[in-house]
Protein backbone atom coordinates (compact mmCIF):
# COMPACT_ATOMS: atom_id res chain seq x y z
CA MET A 1 16.51 -24.07 -20.32
CA ASP A 2 14.18 -22.64 -17.78
CA ASP A 3 14.32 -18.48 -17.59
CA PRO A 4 13.09 -17.55 -14.28
CA THR A 5 12.12 -14.18 -15.54
CA ILE A 6 9.91 -15.58 -18.80
CA ASP A 7 8.05 -17.88 -16.30
CA ALA A 8 7.38 -15.18 -14.39
CA LEU A 9 5.87 -13.15 -17.07
CA HIS A 10 4.01 -16.11 -18.43
CA GLY A 11 2.00 -16.85 -15.43
CA VAL A 12 1.23 -12.98 -14.87
CA HIS A 13 0.36 -12.95 -18.62
CA ILE A 14 -1.63 -16.02 -18.65
CA ALA A 15 -3.72 -14.96 -15.54
CA THR A 16 -4.27 -11.33 -16.71
CA ASN A 17 -5.94 -12.67 -20.04
CA ASP A 18 -7.86 -15.03 -18.19
CA VAL A 19 -9.14 -12.24 -16.00
CA LEU A 20 -9.61 -9.96 -18.81
CA THR A 21 -11.40 -12.91 -20.94
CA GLY A 22 -13.74 -13.02 -18.36
CA TYR A 23 -14.48 -9.61 -18.05
CA LYS A 24 -14.83 -9.23 -21.52
CA THR A 25 -17.69 -12.16 -21.74
CA MET A 26 -19.00 -11.05 -18.23
CA LEU A 27 -19.57 -7.36 -20.08
CA GLU A 28 -22.00 -8.44 -22.68
CA ARG A 29 -24.57 -10.26 -19.64
CA ALA A 30 -24.19 -8.07 -16.93
CA GLY A 31 -26.30 -6.30 -14.66
CA PRO A 32 -26.43 -2.35 -13.88
CA GLU A 33 -24.81 -2.68 -10.82
CA ILE A 34 -21.51 -4.60 -12.29
CA GLN A 35 -21.04 -3.38 -15.72
CA PRO A 36 -19.55 -0.01 -14.50
CA ILE A 37 -17.14 -1.72 -12.58
CA ILE A 38 -16.24 -4.42 -14.94
CA ALA A 39 -15.99 -1.63 -18.06
CA GLU A 40 -13.49 0.22 -15.84
CA LEU A 41 -10.77 -3.41 -15.04
CA THR A 42 -10.83 -4.30 -18.75
CA PRO A 43 -9.31 -1.65 -20.20
CA ILE A 44 -7.02 -1.86 -17.38
CA HIS A 45 -6.09 -6.01 -18.11
CA GLY A 46 -6.10 -4.98 -21.87
CA LYS A 47 -2.89 -2.62 -21.25
CA HIS A 48 -1.40 -4.97 -18.75
CA ALA A 49 -1.51 -7.98 -20.55
CA ALA A 50 0.00 -6.09 -24.16
CA ALA A 51 2.86 -4.77 -22.32
CA LEU A 52 3.38 -8.24 -20.41
CA GLU A 53 3.35 -9.65 -24.13
CA ALA A 54 5.55 -7.08 -25.43
CA ARG A 55 8.00 -7.76 -22.71
CA LEU A 56 8.02 -11.57 -23.04
CA SER A 57 8.77 -10.64 -26.86
CA ALA A 58 11.50 -8.45 -26.32
CA LEU A 59 13.47 -11.17 -24.42
CA GLY A 60 12.62 -13.43 -27.08
CA ASP A 61 9.46 -15.48 -26.06
CA GLY A 62 6.02 -14.53 -27.43
CA GLY A 63 3.59 -14.89 -25.61
CA LYS A 64 0.56 -14.83 -27.97
CA LEU A 65 0.22 -18.12 -26.57
CA ASP A 66 -0.63 -17.20 -23.49
CA SER A 67 -3.91 -15.59 -24.26
CA ALA A 68 -5.80 -18.88 -26.02
CA LEU A 69 -4.75 -21.06 -23.36
CA CYS A 70 -7.08 -19.72 -20.65
CA ARG A 71 -9.58 -18.20 -23.08
CA THR A 72 -12.32 -21.71 -23.26
CA THR A 73 -11.87 -21.88 -19.31
CA ASN A 74 -13.11 -18.62 -18.12
CA THR A 75 -15.66 -18.43 -20.38
CA GLY A 76 -17.03 -21.15 -19.94
CA ALA A 77 -16.86 -20.10 -16.12
CA VAL A 78 -18.41 -16.84 -16.66
CA THR A 79 -21.13 -18.25 -18.87
CA MET A 80 -21.99 -21.16 -16.06
CA ARG A 81 -22.64 -18.50 -13.64
CA ASP A 82 -24.65 -16.68 -15.04
CA TRP A 83 -26.68 -19.00 -16.12
CA ILE A 84 -27.27 -20.14 -12.73
CA ALA A 85 -27.02 -17.05 -10.83
CA GLY A 86 -26.99 -13.92 -13.41
CA LEU A 87 -24.46 -11.54 -13.39
CA ASP A 88 -25.63 -8.93 -10.87
CA GLU A 89 -24.15 -7.44 -7.93
CA GLY A 90 -23.25 -10.54 -6.40
CA SER A 91 -20.96 -11.35 -9.04
CA LEU A 92 -18.83 -8.48 -7.72
CA ASP A 93 -17.09 -11.50 -4.85
CA ALA A 94 -15.84 -13.36 -7.86
CA VAL A 95 -14.66 -10.27 -9.47
CA GLU A 96 -13.07 -9.15 -5.80
CA ARG A 97 -11.60 -12.85 -5.59
CA GLY A 98 -10.32 -13.21 -8.91
CA GLU A 99 -8.42 -9.40 -8.72
CA SER A 100 -6.98 -11.04 -5.25
CA ALA A 101 -5.83 -14.17 -6.68
CA LEU A 102 -4.30 -11.69 -9.83
CA GLN A 103 -2.40 -9.43 -7.39
CA GLY A 104 -1.17 -12.66 -5.92
CA ILE A 105 0.47 -14.45 -9.27
CA TYR A 106 1.69 -10.95 -9.73
CA LYS A 107 3.31 -11.14 -6.22
CA ASP A 108 4.81 -14.72 -6.63
CA ALA A 109 6.18 -13.36 -10.11
CA ARG A 110 7.78 -10.72 -8.52
CA ASP A 111 9.47 -13.08 -6.27
CA ASP A 112 10.51 -15.81 -8.44
CA PHE A 113 13.62 -13.97 -10.08
CA SER A 114 16.23 -11.65 -9.13
CA ALA A 115 15.22 -7.53 -9.89
CA ALA A 116 18.97 -7.33 -10.26
CA ASN A 117 19.12 -9.22 -13.24
CA ASP A 118 16.07 -7.67 -15.17
CA PRO A 119 15.01 -4.38 -13.92
CA GLU A 120 13.11 -3.40 -16.18
CA THR A 121 10.83 -6.57 -16.03
CA ALA A 122 10.95 -5.74 -12.11
CA THR A 123 9.52 -2.27 -13.25
CA LEU A 124 6.75 -3.34 -15.10
CA LEU A 125 5.04 -6.13 -12.79
CA ASP A 126 5.60 -3.32 -9.89
CA ARG A 127 3.87 -0.78 -11.96
CA GLN A 128 1.34 -2.93 -13.34
CA TYR A 129 0.48 -4.33 -9.62
CA HIS A 130 -0.25 -0.96 -8.26
CA GLU A 131 -1.97 0.39 -10.80
CA ALA A 132 -4.18 -2.51 -10.65
CA SER A 133 -3.97 -1.84 -6.73
CA GLN A 134 -5.15 1.75 -6.83
CA LYS A 135 -8.10 0.92 -9.43
CA ILE A 136 -9.45 -2.08 -7.07
CA GLU A 137 -8.72 0.08 -3.56
CA THR A 138 -11.40 3.23 -5.78
CA LEU A 139 -13.63 0.97 -7.01
CA ALA A 140 -13.96 -1.12 -3.30
CA ALA A 141 -14.58 2.12 -1.81
CA ARG A 142 -17.73 3.08 -3.63
């Protein structure tokens, strides 16, 4: 039986872990122009991934496999970009696109289930969405 709340949480958890894994890989290779930005975004997504996993667990569905599913894909994509162009200020466009896509996944997840049926999950998704949005706006204003 499908559970829209769990499905929505898995989608966000996978996407968050995907971004987080990419950022961890980027931190190892990033130039000085991009490293501080990635260093600020990484802990936010790490905190969010842990909270999403905890919520999935509380709902009786652990999300540990969600991080394993995306790790290879994102690490490979970041490594290939590094080989081709290097991870410098030009990589900020990719970071911005990734963050924008993640924000869209949060919005879709929030729309996929009834907040009335699970206000705790709705609050979690809303809080994480706004935390990441505020950080992105702060970084974009630099």
